[in-house]
Amino acid sequence: MNAANHILEAIGNTPLVLSHSLARNVESNVYLKLEYVNPGASVKDRPALQIVEDAEESGELQPGGTIVEATSGNTGMGLAMAAAIKGYNCIFVMPDKMSDEKIKALRAFGARVVVCPTAVEPDDPRSYYSVAERLAEESPGGYLANQYHNPSNPRAHYLKTGPELWEQTDGEIDVFVSTMGTGGTISGTAKYLKEQNPDIQVVGIDPIGSIYYDYFKTGEITEAHSYLVEGFGEDIIPTTMHFDYVDEIVRVSDKECFQFTRRLVREEGIFAGGSSGGAVAGAIKYAEGLDEKLNIVVILPDSGARYLTKIFDDDWMRENGFLEDRWGDATIDDILQAKGSSGEVYTTAPGETVAQVIERMKQHGISQLPVVDDGRVKGLVNEADVLDHLLGDGAHDDPVDDLVETRFAVVAPTDQIGLIGDIFQDERVLMVMDDGNLVDIISKIDFIDFVTSHF
């Protein structure tokens, strides 16, 4: 009889489906890998099982022990499924923005679920990272799965997901697209694929509010801010996120994630979650910038069944402003043209003095200067910080380095302006970069001037 011995043997070998409707306006072929077909309904079944098996082999997880993990839900499901078969207890710690469906699903497995506030720093004792560490130490036989720093996470995708994709595409994959949370999926899969063909391009997808995009573009860790889409994006840099294998990152808004999620099921019959919608939205953006026909494979991480009370609820979508498209197709470039951007940006550099910054601001009539070092944007100095420095007994000949702040976000000229409304709610400045070059900065007043005169 052709039957699995238990549910864990059903993990993997998920289908690859060609997108038609959502990709109809791009030349490339866009293939969707349906990871929600895994028995735990997400891609996280793969690393969850690998983490448990590796911990058993190393002796870190003993019979009758307790698996503890900080999770947005999906890794918890995979761990709970493995624990049910192998006889372990589970405690899962989740941020409070997660859907009720995810919390109730974990409790259905008999797991204890602890909910923590989202809007705290990662090292805050109330954060779900910190609480998980504490509970692992306090629990008899406790084992912290630690997906953010456990090498078994990317290893699972190196051993299984990458080879699956290579086989399914007959090696004819040109671009691999994945959202980035812990980084395990994109890092492990990309490592395998690039070993087979170094020319394969790897594209990460990041939500507004996460730090990955700005870090990738500038090398600086900026301040993270809240966002509603679940399952990807981070406010820390996990050791399981290997940027060496990533060629490009595309940023998406909550609205794009949710609208593409709803389109996936209505136009393609694919009932996937918000991170899947974000992955497809980012892949389409990337494909729109290509001048050749390529084979693009996109990971769809989880099922839509866990978001019925959010993404697929019209009232929730309407209350959060995700159903109407207020700004149409206007882009960042439209704002630059409206403000008469010359493409010349006045900057400062690490090591320059406060006096030099003041003189440059006076000379050009500006209130803020990007800090650029060897072509990379390191931050921003504004007149308010300069004033505070001088009022606080700072000297004119002090280096400007201590005044540099990282409350900025990077955008491209082709980004739609709907993307930046969320960023400005967090009081940040936009650095406009094109082909790796800083071409302008956009302030709140630039945005206000544009929308009041065009809408």
Foldseek 3Di string as FASTA:
>chain_A
DPDDPDLLVQQAPFDKAWDPVLQVPFQAIEIEGQNLPRPLFFPLLQLLVLLVVVCVVVVLFDAQAEEFEEDLQSVLSSVLRVCLVRVYAYEYEYEPLHFPLSVVSSVVSVHHYHYFHPPDDPPPCRDSNNVRVVVQVVGVSRDYSPLLADLSLLVSCLVGVQVSVCVVVVNQAQEEEEEAASQSNQVNNLVNNCVVPVRRAYEYEAEQQAQVQLCLLFVERAAGDDANFDDHGDNDRGPSRDCVSHDYYFYDYQLQLLVQQVCCCVPVVAFAGSSQSRRSSRVSVVSVPDPDYGYYYTYGTGGNVRACVASVDVVNCVVVPNPDDVQPQAFLLNLCVVVVFPLDFAAAEWPAFQLVVVVVCVVVVHFKHFYDDPLGTHAMAGNVLSVVCVVVVHDRGDTCVVRGHHQEEEDERNHHCVSCVVSCVVVGKYFYDDPSHGRDIDHPVSVVVVVVVPD
